[in-house]
PDB file of N, CA and C in Angstrom:
ATOM      1  N   MET A   1       7.535 -22.231 -10.774  1.00  0.00           N
ATOM      2  CA  MET A   1       8.096 -22.762  -9.554  1.00  0.00           C
ATOM      3  C   MET A   1       7.110 -22.514  -8.408  1.00  0.00           C
ATOM      4  N   THR A   2       7.040 -23.468  -7.510  1.00  0.00           N
ATOM      5  CA  THR A   2       6.122 -23.405  -6.377  1.00  0.00           C
ATOM      6  C   THR A   2       6.610 -22.406  -5.335  1.00  0.00           C
ATOM      7  N   ILE A   3       5.683 -21.723  -4.718  1.00  0.00           N
ATOM      8  CA  ILE A   3       6.001 -20.774  -3.652  1.00  0.00           C
ATOM      9  C   ILE A   3       6.533 -21.530  -2.443  1.00  0.00           C
ATOM     10  N   ARG A   4       7.619 -21.026  -1.916  1.00  0.00           N
ATOM     11  CA  ARG A   4       8.174 -21.508  -0.652  1.00  0.00           C
ATOM     12  C   ARG A   4       7.968 -20.385   0.357  1.00  0.00           C
ATOM     13  N   LEU A   5       7.547 -20.736   1.570  1.00  0.00           N
ATOM     14  CA  LEU A   5       7.190 -19.728   2.567  1.00  0.00           C
ATOM     15  C   LEU A   5       8.242 -19.566   3.662  1.00  0.00           C
ATOM     16  N   TYR A   6       8.300 -18.350   4.164  1.00  0.00           N
ATOM     17  CA  TYR A   6       9.062 -18.022   5.361  1.00  0.00           C
ATOM     18  C   TYR A   6       8.105 -17.296   6.296  1.00  0.00           C
ATOM     19  N   LEU A   7       7.986 -17.768   7.529  1.00  0.00           N
ATOM     20  CA  LEU A   7       7.110 -17.143   8.511  1.00  0.00           C
ATOM     21  C   LEU A   7       7.953 -16.367   9.509  1.00  0.00           C
ATOM     22  N   ASP A   8       7.723 -15.054   9.588  1.00  0.00           N
ATOM     23  CA  ASP A   8       8.469 -14.266  10.570  1.00  0.00           C
ATOM     24  C   ASP A   8       7.997 -14.645  11.970  1.00  0.00           C
ATOM     25  N   GLU A   9       8.623 -14.059  12.985  1.00  0.00           N
ATOM     26  CA  GLU A   9       8.323 -14.510  14.346  1.00  0.00           C
ATOM     27  C   GLU A   9       6.905 -14.186  14.796  1.00  0.00           C
ATOM     28  N   ASP A  10       6.250 -13.219  14.163  1.00  0.00           N
ATOM     29  CA  ASP A  10       4.853 -12.938  14.499  1.00  0.00           C
ATOM     30  C   ASP A  10       3.918 -14.028  13.989  1.00  0.00           C
ATOM     31  N   ALA A  11       4.241 -14.616  12.854  1.00  0.00           N
ATOM     32  CA  ALA A  11       3.344 -15.558  12.181  1.00  0.00           C
ATOM     33  C   ALA A  11       3.750 -17.023  12.328  1.00  0.00           C
ATOM     34  N   MET A  12       4.815 -17.297  13.060  1.00  0.00           N
ATOM     35  CA  MET A  12       5.379 -18.655  13.061  1.00  0.00           C
ATOM     36  C   MET A  12       4.700 -19.615  14.043  1.00  0.00           C
ATOM     37  N   ASP A  13       3.414 -19.683  14.011  1.00  0.00           N
ATOM     38  CA  ASP A  13       2.649 -20.600  14.846  1.00  0.00           C
ATOM     39  C   ASP A  13       3.012 -22.045  14.490  1.00  0.00           C
ATOM     40  N   GLY A  14       3.391 -22.825  15.505  1.00  0.00           N
ATOM     41  CA  GLY A  14       3.796 -24.211  15.281  1.00  0.00           C
ATOM     42  C   GLY A  14       2.715 -25.050  14.635  1.00  0.00           C
ATOM     43  N   ASP A  15       1.456 -24.807  14.998  1.00  0.00           N
ATOM     44  CA  ASP A  15       0.347 -25.552  14.396  1.00  0.00           C
ATOM     45  C   ASP A  15       0.219 -25.236  12.910  1.00  0.00           C
ATOM     46  N   LEU A  16       0.426 -23.980  12.537  1.00  0.00           N
ATOM     47  CA  LEU A  16       0.359 -23.598  11.135  1.00  0.00           C
ATOM     48  C   LEU A  16       1.504 -24.243  10.356  1.00  0.00           C
ATOM     49  N   VAL A  17       2.692 -24.211  10.923  1.00  0.00           N
ATOM     50  CA  VAL A  17       3.847 -24.824  10.265  1.00  0.00           C
ATOM     51  C   VAL A  17       3.586 -26.310  10.029  1.00  0.00           C
ATOM     52  N   ARG A  18       3.121 -27.015  11.063  1.00  0.00           N
ATOM     53  CA  ARG A  18       2.848 -28.452  10.923  1.00  0.00           C
ATOM     54  C   ARG A  18       1.754 -28.719   9.887  1.00  0.00           C
ATOM     55  N   ALA A  19       0.695 -27.909   9.909  1.00  0.00           N
ATOM     56  CA  ALA A  19      -0.408 -28.095   8.964  1.00  0.00           C
ATOM     57  C   ALA A  19       0.058 -27.890   7.522  1.00  0.00           C
ATOM     58  N   LEU A  20       0.859 -26.860   7.293  1.00  0.00           N
ATOM     59  CA  LEU A  20       1.365 -26.603   5.943  1.00  0.00           C
ATOM     60  C   LEU A  20       2.317 -27.712   5.499  1.00  0.00           C
ATOM     61  N   ARG A  21       3.203 -28.116   6.377  1.00  0.00           N
ATOM     62  CA  ARG A  21       4.143 -29.187   6.030  1.00  0.00           C
ATOM     63  C   ARG A  21       3.418 -30.496   5.749  1.00  0.00           C
ATOM     64  N   ALA A  22       2.355 -30.769   6.482  1.00  0.00           N
ATOM     65  CA  ALA A  22       1.577 -31.992   6.258  1.00  0.00           C
ATOM     66  C   ALA A  22       0.953 -31.992   4.863  1.00  0.00           C
ATOM     67  N   ARG A  23       0.811 -30.817   4.275  1.00  0.00           N
ATOM     68  CA  ARG A  23       0.246 -30.692   2.937  1.00  0.00           C
ATOM     69  C   ARG A  23       1.320 -30.458   1.881  1.00  0.00           C
ATOM     70  N   GLY A  24       2.571 -30.702   2.256  1.00  0.00           N
ATOM     71  CA  GLY A  24       3.666 -30.646   1.297  1.00  0.00           C
ATOM     72  C   GLY A  24       4.247 -29.280   1.035  1.00  0.00           C
ATOM     73  N   VAL A  25       3.900 -28.298   1.851  1.00  0.00           N
ATOM     74  CA  VAL A  25       4.415 -26.943   1.647  1.00  0.00           C
ATOM     75  C   VAL A  25       5.815 -26.835   2.244  1.00  0.00           C
ATOM     76  N   ASP A  26       6.717 -26.234   1.498  1.00  0.00           N
ATOM     77  CA  ASP A  26       8.064 -25.938   1.978  1.00  0.00           C
ATOM     78  C   ASP A  26       7.957 -24.635   2.779  1.00  0.00           C
ATOM     79  N   VAL A  27       7.952 -24.766   4.096  1.00  0.00           N
ATOM     80  CA  VAL A  27       7.777 -23.602   4.973  1.00  0.00           C
ATOM     81  C   VAL A  27       8.881 -23.577   6.007  1.00  0.00           C
ATOM     82  N   GLU A  28       9.410 -22.399   6.237  1.00  0.00           N
ATOM     83  CA  GLU A  28      10.516 -22.207   7.169  1.00  0.00           C
ATOM     84  C   GLU A  28      10.153 -21.108   8.164  1.00  0.00           C
ATOM     85  N   PRO A  29       9.969 -21.461   9.441  1.00  0.00           N
ATOM     86  CA  PRO A  29       9.690 -20.436  10.445  1.00  0.00           C
ATOM     87  C   PRO A  29      10.981 -19.801  10.963  1.00  0.00           C
ATOM     88  N   ALA A  30      10.865 -18.566  11.396  1.00  0.00           N
ATOM     89  CA  ALA A  30      12.025 -17.794  11.852  1.00  0.00           C
ATOM     90  C   ALA A  30      12.801 -18.503  12.961  1.00  0.00           C
ATOM     91  N   ASN A  31      12.097 -19.181  13.862  1.00  0.00           N
ATOM     92  CA  ASN A  31      12.795 -19.801  14.994  1.00  0.00           C
ATOM     93  C   ASN A  31      13.689 -20.960  14.572  1.00  0.00           C
ATOM     94  N   GLU A  32      13.444 -21.564  13.429  1.00  0.00           N
ATOM     95  CA  GLU A  32      14.272 -22.689  12.979  1.00  0.00           C
ATOM     96  C   GLU A  32      15.554 -22.244  12.290  1.00  0.00           C
ATOM     97  N   VAL A  33      15.654 -20.974  11.982  1.00  0.00           N
ATOM     98  CA  VAL A  33      16.826 -20.480  11.257  1.00  0.00           C
ATOM     99  C   VAL A  33      17.527 -19.336  11.996  1.00  0.00           C
ATOM    100  N   GLY A  34      17.278 -19.223  13.290  1.00  0.00           N
ATOM    101  CA  GLY A  34      17.971 -18.226  14.104  1.00  0.00           C
ATOM    102  C   GLY A  34      17.614 -16.788  13.792  1.00  0.00           C
ATOM    103  N   MET A  35      16.365 -16.541  13.388  1.00  0.00           N
ATOM    104  CA  MET A  35      15.968 -15.178  13.019  1.00  0.00           C
ATOM    105  C   MET A  35      15.014 -14.550  14.032  1.00  0.00           C
ATOM    106  N   ILE A  36      15.117 -14.932  15.281  1.00  0.00           N
ATOM    107  CA  ILE A  36      14.279 -14.359  16.331  1.00  0.00           C
ATOM    108  C   ILE A  36      14.841 -13.000  16.745  1.00  0.00           C
ATOM    109  N   GLU A  37      13.926 -12.085  17.084  1.00  0.00           N
ATOM    110  CA  GLU A  37      14.268 -10.731  17.531  1.00  0.00           C
ATOM    111  C   GLU A  37      15.090  -9.962  16.497  1.00  0.00           C
ATOM    112  N   ARG A  38      14.690 -10.092  15.250  1.00  0.00           N
ATOM    113  CA  ARG A  38      15.317  -9.350  14.156  1.00  0.00           C
ATOM    114  C   ARG A  38      14.351  -8.280  13.670  1.00  0.00           C
ATOM    115  N   GLU A  39      14.894  -7.287  13.034  1.00  0.00           N
ATOM    116  CA  GLU A  39      14.075  -6.221  12.456  1.00  0.00           C
ATOM    117  C   GLU A  39      13.341  -6.756  11.220  1.00  0.00           C
ATOM    118  N   ASP A  40      12.223  -6.118  10.888  1.00  0.00           N
ATOM    119  CA  ASP A  40      11.426  -6.577   9.754  1.00  0.00           C
ATOM    120  C   ASP A  40      12.204  -6.568   8.444  1.00  0.00           C
ATOM    121  N   ASP A  41      13.036  -5.557   8.234  1.00  0.00           N
ATOM    122  CA  ASP A  41      13.816  -5.522   6.994  1.00  0.00           C
ATOM    123  C   ASP A  41      14.794  -6.688   6.921  1.00  0.00           C
ATOM    124  N   GLU A  42      15.294  -7.140   8.072  1.00  0.00           N
ATOM    125  CA  GLU A  42      16.181  -8.306   8.088  1.00  0.00           C
ATOM    126  C   GLU A  42      15.412  -9.571   7.709  1.00  0.00           C
ATOM    127  N   HIS A  43      14.171  -9.689   8.194  1.00  0.00           N
ATOM    128  CA  HIS A  43      13.344 -10.838   7.827  1.00  0.00           C
ATOM    129  C   HIS A  43      13.089 -10.841   6.319  1.00  0.00           C
ATOM    130  N   LEU A  44      12.764  -9.682   5.757  1.00  0.00           N
ATOM    131  CA  LEU A  44      12.473  -9.603   4.326  1.00  0.00           C
ATOM    132  C   LEU A  44      13.732  -9.892   3.502  1.00  0.00           C
ATOM    133  N   THR A  45      14.854  -9.364   3.932  1.00  0.00           N
ATOM    134  CA  THR A  45      16.108  -9.617   3.229  1.00  0.00           C
ATOM    135  C   THR A  45      16.472 -11.100   3.283  1.00  0.00           C
ATOM    136  N   TYR A  46      16.303 -11.710   4.453  1.00  0.00           N
ATOM    137  CA  TYR A  46      16.588 -13.138   4.595  1.00  0.00           C
ATOM    138  C   TYR A  46      15.668 -13.958   3.685  1.00  0.00           C
ATOM    139  N   ALA A  47      14.367 -13.696   3.758  1.00  0.00           N
ATOM    140  CA  ALA A  47      13.406 -14.450   2.945  1.00  0.00           C
ATOM    141  C   ALA A  47      13.742 -14.320   1.464  1.00  0.00           C
ATOM    142  N   THR A  48      14.074 -13.113   1.031  1.00  0.00           N
ATOM    143  CA  THR A  48      14.414 -12.877  -0.365  1.00  0.00           C
ATOM    144  C   THR A  48      15.663 -13.650  -0.764  1.00  0.00           C
ATOM    145  N   ALA A  49      16.681 -13.629   0.090  1.00  0.00           N
ATOM    146  CA  ALA A  49      17.920 -14.363  -0.202  1.00  0.00           C
ATOM    147  C   ALA A  49      17.664 -15.860  -0.330  1.00  0.00           C
ATOM    148  N   GLN A  50      16.666 -16.355   0.398  1.00  0.00           N
ATOM    149  CA  GLN A  50      16.320 -17.773   0.361  1.00  0.00           C
ATOM    150  C   GLN A  50      15.282 -18.095  -0.716  1.00  0.00           C
ATOM    151  N   GLY A  51      14.808 -17.077  -1.416  1.00  0.00           N
ATOM    152  CA  GLY A  51      13.792 -17.273  -2.437  1.00  0.00           C
ATOM    153  C   GLY A  51      12.442 -17.645  -1.859  1.00  0.00           C
ATOM    154  N   ARG A  52      12.136 -17.102  -0.674  1.00  0.00           N
ATOM    155  CA  ARG A  52      10.897 -17.436   0.025  1.00  0.00           C
ATOM    156  C   ARG A  52       9.982 -16.218   0.135  1.00  0.00           C
ATOM    157  N   VAL A  53       8.706 -16.468   0.006  1.00  0.00           N
ATOM    158  CA  VAL A  53       7.674 -15.446   0.231  1.00  0.00           C
ATOM    159  C   VAL A  53       7.477 -15.351   1.743  1.00  0.00           C
ATOM    160  N   ILE A  54       7.508 -14.146   2.267  1.00  0.00           N
ATOM    161  CA  ILE A  54       7.346 -13.963   3.706  1.00  0.00           C
ATOM    162  C   ILE A  54       5.867 -13.796   4.053  1.00  0.00           C
ATOM    163  N   PHE A  55       5.468 -14.416   5.165  1.00  0.00           N
ATOM    164  CA  PHE A  55       4.118 -14.256   5.707  1.00  0.00           C
ATOM    165  C   PHE A  55       4.264 -13.621   7.081  1.00  0.00           C
ATOM    166  N   SER A  56       3.511 -12.541   7.307  1.00  0.00           N
ATOM    167  CA  SER A  56       3.617 -11.804   8.562  1.00  0.00           C
ATOM    168  C   SER A  56       2.278 -11.172   8.934  1.00  0.00           C
ATOM    169  N   PHE A  57       2.126 -10.896  10.214  1.00  0.00           N
ATOM    170  CA  PHE A  57       0.976 -10.136  10.699  1.00  0.00           C
ATOM    171  C   PHE A  57       1.314  -8.645  10.818  1.00  0.00           C
ATOM    172  N   ASN A  58       2.533  -8.279  10.521  1.00  0.00           N
ATOM    173  CA  ASN A  58       2.977  -6.898  10.672  1.00  0.00           C
ATOM    174  C   ASN A  58       2.672  -6.122   9.383  1.00  0.00           C
ATOM    175  N   ILE A  59       1.416  -5.799   9.199  1.00  0.00           N
ATOM    176  CA  ILE A  59       0.948  -5.195   7.951  1.00  0.00           C
ATOM    177  C   ILE A  59       1.631  -3.858   7.665  1.00  0.00           C
ATOM    178  N   GLY A  60       1.623  -2.963   8.641  1.00  0.00           N
ATOM    179  CA  GLY A  60       2.149  -1.616   8.422  1.00  0.00           C
ATOM    180  C   GLY A  60       3.598  -1.609   7.989  1.00  0.00           C
ATOM    181  N   ASP A  61       4.432  -2.336   8.717  1.00  0.00           N
ATOM    182  CA  ASP A  61       5.864  -2.335   8.393  1.00  0.00           C
ATOM    183  C   ASP A  61       6.149  -2.995   7.056  1.00  0.00           C
ATOM    184  N   PHE A  62       5.448  -4.091   6.749  1.00  0.00           N
ATOM    185  CA  PHE A  62       5.734  -4.769   5.488  1.00  0.00           C
ATOM    186  C   PHE A  62       5.149  -4.036   4.287  1.00  0.00           C
ATOM    187  N   CYS A  63       4.064  -3.306   4.459  1.00  0.00           N
ATOM    188  CA  CYS A  63       3.583  -2.440   3.384  1.00  0.00           C
ATOM    189  C   CYS A  63       4.605  -1.344   3.101  1.00  0.00           C
ATOM    190  N   ARG A  64       5.140  -0.769   4.173  1.00  0.00           N
ATOM    191  CA  ARG A  64       6.181   0.268   4.017  1.00  0.00           C
ATOM    192  C   ARG A  64       7.430  -0.308   3.345  1.00  0.00           C
ATOM    193  N   LEU A  65       7.894  -1.471   3.823  1.00  0.00           N
ATOM    194  CA  LEU A  65       9.086  -2.088   3.242  1.00  0.00           C
ATOM    195  C   LEU A  65       8.873  -2.430   1.768  1.00  0.00           C
ATOM    196  N   HIS A  66       7.699  -2.915   1.430  1.00  0.00           N
ATOM    197  CA  HIS A  66       7.387  -3.222   0.030  1.00  0.00           C
ATOM    198  C   HIS A  66       7.557  -1.963  -0.827  1.00  0.00           C
ATOM    199  N   SER A  67       6.986  -0.861  -0.370  1.00  0.00           N
ATOM    200  CA  SER A  67       7.099   0.401  -1.115  1.00  0.00           C
ATOM    201  C   SER A  67       8.540   0.871  -1.208  1.00  0.00           C
ATOM    202  N   GLU A  68       9.270   0.753  -0.100  1.00  0.00           N
ATOM    203  CA  GLU A  68      10.682   1.172  -0.096  1.00  0.00           C
ATOM    204  C   GLU A  68      11.515   0.325  -1.056  1.00  0.00           C
ATOM    205  N   PHE A  69      11.301  -0.981  -1.034  1.00  0.00           N
ATOM    206  CA  PHE A  69      12.051  -1.851  -1.941  1.00  0.00           C
ATOM    207  C   PHE A  69      11.805  -1.444  -3.389  1.00  0.00           C
ATOM    208  N   LEU A  70      10.546  -1.256  -3.750  1.00  0.00           N
ATOM    209  CA  LEU A  70      10.233  -0.904  -5.130  1.00  0.00           C
ATOM    210  C   LEU A  70      10.784   0.472  -5.492  1.00  0.00           C
ATOM    211  N   ALA A  71      10.670   1.438  -4.573  1.00  0.00           N
ATOM    212  CA  ALA A  71      11.182   2.791  -4.837  1.00  0.00           C
ATOM    213  C   ALA A  71      12.695   2.783  -5.044  1.00  0.00           C
ATOM    214  N   ASN A  72      13.384   1.883  -4.348  1.00  0.00           N
ATOM    215  CA  ASN A  72      14.843   1.773  -4.460  1.00  0.00           C
ATOM    216  C   ASN A  72      15.267   0.777  -5.530  1.00  0.00           C
ATOM    217  N   GLN A  73      14.315   0.320  -6.306  1.00  0.00           N
ATOM    218  CA  GLN A  73      14.544  -0.666  -7.362  1.00  0.00           C
ATOM    219  C   GLN A  73      15.200  -1.935  -6.836  1.00  0.00           C
ATOM    220  N   GLU A  74      14.811  -2.307  -5.612  1.00  0.00           N
ATOM    221  CA  GLU A  74      15.247  -3.567  -5.015  1.00  0.00           C
ATOM    222  C   GLU A  74      14.124  -4.572  -5.213  1.00  0.00           C
ATOM    223  N   SER A  75      14.504  -5.821  -5.246  1.00  0.00           N
ATOM    224  CA  SER A  75      13.534  -6.879  -5.468  1.00  0.00           C
ATOM    225  C   SER A  75      13.331  -7.694  -4.198  1.00  0.00           C
ATOM    226  N   HIS A  76      12.129  -8.227  -4.017  1.00  0.00           N
ATOM    227  CA  HIS A  76      11.888  -9.186  -2.938  1.00  0.00           C
ATOM    228  C   HIS A  76      11.087 -10.349  -3.510  1.00  0.00           C
ATOM    229  N   ALA A  77      11.052 -11.456  -2.781  1.00  0.00           N
ATOM    230  CA  ALA A  77      10.430 -12.687  -3.284  1.00  0.00           C
ATOM    231  C   ALA A  77       8.911 -12.686  -3.120  1.00  0.00           C
ATOM    232  N   GLY A  78       8.372 -11.706  -2.426  1.00  0.00           N
ATOM    233  CA  GLY A  78       6.933 -11.614  -2.210  1.00  0.00           C
ATOM    234  C   GLY A  78       6.599 -11.499  -0.740  1.00  0.00           C
ATOM    235  N   ILE A  79       5.479 -10.852  -0.468  1.00  0.00           N
ATOM    236  CA  ILE A  79       5.035 -10.610   0.903  1.00  0.00           C
ATOM    237  C   ILE A  79       3.545 -10.938   0.987  1.00  0.00           C
ATOM    238  N   VAL A  80       3.179 -11.674   2.039  1.00  0.00           N
ATOM    239  CA  VAL A  80       1.767 -11.922   2.347  1.00  0.00           C
ATOM    240  C   VAL A  80       1.547 -11.427   3.766  1.00  0.00           C
ATOM    241  N   VAL A  81       0.538 -10.592   3.960  1.00  0.00           N
ATOM    242  CA  VAL A  81       0.243 -10.050   5.286  1.00  0.00           C
ATOM    243  C   VAL A  81      -1.203 -10.315   5.675  1.00  0.00           C
ATOM    244  N   SER A  82      -1.420 -10.352   6.977  1.00  0.00           N
ATOM    245  CA  SER A  82      -2.754 -10.552   7.518  1.00  0.00           C
ATOM    246  C   SER A  82      -2.838  -9.877   8.875  1.00  0.00           C
ATOM    247  N   ARG A  83      -4.044  -9.505   9.251  1.00  0.00           N
ATOM    248  CA  ARG A  83      -4.238  -8.994  10.609  1.00  0.00           C
ATOM    249  C   ARG A  83      -4.118 -10.155  11.585  1.00  0.00           C
ATOM    250  N   GLN A  84      -3.442  -9.905  12.689  1.00  0.00           N
ATOM    251  CA  GLN A  84      -3.243 -10.935  13.708  1.00  0.00           C
ATOM    252  C   GLN A  84      -4.573 -11.286  14.364  1.00  0.00           C
ATOM    253  N   GLN A  85      -4.763 -12.548  14.657  1.00  0.00           N
ATOM    254  CA  GLN A  85      -5.939 -13.092  15.329  1.00  0.00           C
ATOM    255  C   GLN A  85      -7.220 -12.882  14.539  1.00  0.00           C
ATOM    256  N   ARG A  86      -7.107 -12.655  13.249  1.00  0.00           N
ATOM    257  CA  ARG A  86      -8.309 -12.523  12.424  1.00  0.00           C
ATOM    258  C   ARG A  86      -8.807 -13.888  11.978  1.00  0.00           C
ATOM    259  N   TYR A  87      -7.869 -14.795  11.700  1.00  0.00           N
ATOM    260  CA  TYR A  87      -8.225 -16.107  11.174  1.00  0.00           C
ATOM    261  C   TYR A  87      -7.659 -17.208  12.075  1.00  0.00           C
ATOM    262  N   SER A  88      -8.393 -18.304  12.135  1.00  0.00           N
ATOM    263  CA  SER A  88      -7.881 -19.487  12.826  1.00  0.00           C
ATOM    264  C   SER A  88      -6.687 -20.039  12.048  1.00  0.00           C
ATOM    265  N   VAL A  89      -5.957 -20.944  12.677  1.00  0.00           N
ATOM    266  CA  VAL A  89      -4.834 -21.584  11.990  1.00  0.00           C
ATOM    267  C   VAL A  89      -5.335 -22.291  10.733  1.00  0.00           C
ATOM    268  N   GLY A  90      -6.458 -22.985  10.842  1.00  0.00           N
ATOM    269  CA  GLY A  90      -7.012 -23.676   9.679  1.00  0.00           C
ATOM    270  C   GLY A  90      -7.359 -22.729   8.546  1.00  0.00           C
ATOM    271  N   GLU A  91      -7.926 -21.576   8.886  1.00  0.00           N
ATOM    272  CA  GLU A  91      -8.288 -20.599   7.855  1.00  0.00           C
ATOM    273  C   GLU A  91      -7.045 -19.960   7.249  1.00  0.00           C
ATOM    274  N   GLN A  92      -6.030 -19.691   8.056  1.00  0.00           N
ATOM    275  CA  GLN A  92      -4.768 -19.173   7.510  1.00  0.00           C
ATOM    276  C   GLN A  92      -4.203 -20.168   6.504  1.00  0.00           C
ATOM    277  N   MET A  93      -4.187 -21.443   6.890  1.00  0.00           N
ATOM    278  CA  MET A  93      -3.655 -22.480   6.022  1.00  0.00           C
ATOM    279  C   MET A  93      -4.456 -22.549   4.716  1.00  0.00           C
ATOM    280  N   ARG A  94      -5.778 -22.571   4.789  1.00  0.00           N
ATOM    281  CA  ARG A  94      -6.610 -22.651   3.589  1.00  0.00           C
ATOM    282  C   ARG A  94      -6.348 -21.469   2.657  1.00  0.00           C
ATOM    283  N   ARG A  95      -6.266 -20.279   3.228  1.00  0.00           N
ATOM    284  CA  ARG A  95      -6.049 -19.098   2.392  1.00  0.00           C
ATOM    285  C   ARG A  95      -4.645 -19.090   1.778  1.00  0.00           C
ATOM    286  N   LEU A  96      -3.640 -19.493   2.546  1.00  0.00           N
ATOM    287  CA  LEU A  96      -2.284 -19.584   1.994  1.00  0.00           C
ATOM    288  C   LEU A  96      -2.229 -20.621   0.875  1.00  0.00           C
ATOM    289  N   LEU A  97      -2.865 -21.763   1.076  1.00  0.00           N
ATOM    290  CA  LEU A  97      -2.880 -22.799   0.035  1.00  0.00           C
ATOM    291  C   LEU A  97      -3.609 -22.319  -1.213  1.00  0.00           C
ATOM    292  N   LYS A  98      -4.673 -21.555  -1.033  1.00  0.00           N
ATOM    293  CA  LYS A  98      -5.396 -21.007  -2.188  1.00  0.00           C
ATOM    294  C   LYS A  98      -4.500 -20.061  -2.976  1.00  0.00           C
ATOM    295  N   LEU A  99      -3.800 -19.183  -2.271  1.00  0.00           N
ATOM    296  CA  LEU A  99      -2.872 -18.261  -2.922  1.00  0.00           C
ATOM    297  C   LEU A  99      -1.782 -19.049  -3.653  1.00  0.00           C
ATOM    298  N   MET A 100      -1.232 -20.060  -2.983  1.00  0.00           N
ATOM    299  CA  MET A 100      -0.151 -20.851  -3.564  1.00  0.00           C
ATOM    300  C   MET A 100      -0.627 -21.666  -4.764  1.00  0.00           C
ATOM    301  N   GLY A 101      -1.897 -22.017  -4.795  1.00  0.00           N
ATOM    302  CA  GLY A 101      -2.446 -22.726  -5.940  1.00  0.00           C
ATOM    303  C   GLY A 101      -2.694 -21.825  -7.134  1.00  0.00           C
ATOM    304  N   ALA A 102      -2.797 -20.541  -6.878  1.00  0.00           N
ATOM    305  CA  ALA A 102      -3.116 -19.577  -7.933  1.00  0.00           C
ATOM    306  C   ALA A 102      -1.897 -18.851  -8.490  1.00  0.00           C
ATOM    307  N   LYS A 103      -0.831 -18.764  -7.704  1.00  0.00           N
ATOM    308  CA  LYS A 103       0.338 -17.988  -8.126  1.00  0.00           C
ATOM    309  C   LYS A 103       1.608 -18.825  -8.012  1.00  0.00           C
ATOM    310  N   THR A 104       2.537 -18.570  -8.903  1.00  0.00           N
ATOM    311  CA  THR A 104       3.847 -19.204  -8.838  1.00  0.00           C
ATOM    312  C   THR A 104       4.795 -18.294  -8.055  1.00  0.00           C
ATOM    313  N   ALA A 105       5.952 -18.828  -7.734  1.00  0.00           N
ATOM    314  CA  ALA A 105       6.971 -18.024  -7.062  1.00  0.00           C
ATOM    315  C   ALA A 105       7.358 -16.820  -7.929  1.00  0.00           C
ATOM    316  N   ASP A 106       7.452 -17.024  -9.233  1.00  0.00           N
ATOM    317  CA  ASP A 106       7.793 -15.917 -10.131  1.00  0.00           C
ATOM    318  C   ASP A 106       6.713 -14.840 -10.127  1.00  0.00           C
ATOM    319  N   GLU A 107       5.457 -15.255 -10.064  1.00  0.00           N
ATOM    320  CA  GLU A 107       4.355 -14.295 -10.043  1.00  0.00           C
ATOM    321  C   GLU A 107       4.275 -13.533  -8.722  1.00  0.00           C
ATOM    322  N   MET A 108       4.859 -14.077  -7.669  1.00  0.00           N
ATOM    323  CA  MET A 108       4.847 -13.405  -6.362  1.00  0.00           C
ATOM    324  C   MET A 108       5.974 -12.394  -6.215  1.00  0.00           C
ATOM    325  N   ARG A 109       6.979 -12.475  -7.079  1.00  0.00           N
ATOM    326  CA  ARG A 109       8.125 -11.566  -6.968  1.00  0.00           C
ATOM    327  C   ARG A 109       7.660 -10.116  -6.975  1.00  0.00           C
ATOM    328  N   ASN A 110       8.074  -9.384  -5.953  1.00  0.00           N
ATOM    329  CA  ASN A 110       7.752  -7.955  -5.790  1.00  0.00           C
ATOM    330  C   ASN A 110       6.265  -7.675  -5.612  1.00  0.00           C
ATOM    331  N   GLN A 111       5.517  -8.686  -5.185  1.00  0.00           N
ATOM    332  CA  GLN A 111       4.079  -8.523  -4.958  1.00  0.00           C
ATOM    333  C   GLN A 111       3.783  -8.487  -3.458  1.00  0.00           C
ATOM    334  N   LEU A 112       2.773  -7.734  -3.119  1.00  0.00           N
ATOM    335  CA  LEU A 112       2.250  -7.670  -1.758  1.00  0.00           C
ATOM    336  C   LEU A 112       0.821  -8.180  -1.808  1.00  0.00           C
ATOM    337  N   GLU A 113       0.551  -9.241  -1.072  1.00  0.00           N
ATOM    338  CA  GLU A 113      -0.780  -9.841  -1.049  1.00  0.00           C
ATOM    339  C   GLU A 113      -1.352  -9.762   0.364  1.00  0.00           C
ATOM    340  N   PHE A 114      -2.660  -9.549   0.433  1.00  0.00           N
ATOM    341  CA  PHE A 114      -3.372  -9.552   1.711  1.00  0.00           C
ATOM    342  C   PHE A 114      -4.112 -10.871   1.820  1.00  0.00           C
ATOM    343  N   LEU A 115      -3.899 -11.588   2.919  1.00  0.00           N
ATOM    344  CA  LEU A 115      -4.536 -12.883   3.104  1.00  0.00           C
ATOM    345  C   LEU A 115      -6.056 -12.763   3.025  1.00  0.00           C
ATOM    346  N   SER A 116      -6.589 -11.617   3.391  1.00  0.00           N
ATOM    347  CA  SER A 116      -8.036 -11.391   3.367  1.00  0.00           C
ATOM    348  C   SER A 116      -8.603 -11.483   1.947  1.00  0.00           C
ATOM    349  N   ASP A 117      -7.767 -11.320   0.928  1.00  0.00           N
ATOM    350  CA  ASP A 117      -8.217 -11.402  -0.470  1.00  0.00           C
ATOM    351  C   ASP A 117      -8.338 -12.836  -0.963  1.00  0.00           C
ATOM    352  N   TRP A 118      -7.923 -13.799  -0.149  1.00  0.00           N
ATOM    353  CA  TRP A 118      -7.850 -15.192  -0.596  1.00  0.00           C
ATOM    354  C   TRP A 118      -8.834 -16.097   0.124  1.00  0.00           C
ATOM    355  N   GLY A 119     -10.030 -15.602   0.381  1.00  0.00           N
ATOM    356  CA  GLY A 119     -11.060 -16.369   1.087  1.00  0.00           C
ATOM    357  C   GLY A 119     -11.864 -17.275   0.207  1.00  0.00           C
TER     358      GLY A 119
END
């Protein structure tokens, strides 16, 4: 199954959303689903319930949440993190598409990926 993305409020750049959608990616930004000003664990829980891999610039919190989920034997749909302002919108899109071309939604389950690894 193809990866479906959820962008938390840190990563929900409108240009990125449009670029991904123009390439056929099923992407849902936080602002379109009423998830603004929510805690990171709420974003991860929402994304998981929707079967979506979350993309965020909040590396520290999502690394911690990933570890907590696994330690508590909880499952998540996958996490992709990147440092903020490291990549242009075009580069974010290219790296996300590369990851999505290499992994299925099932392969992303309970995985933490760094966008920097997908250059």
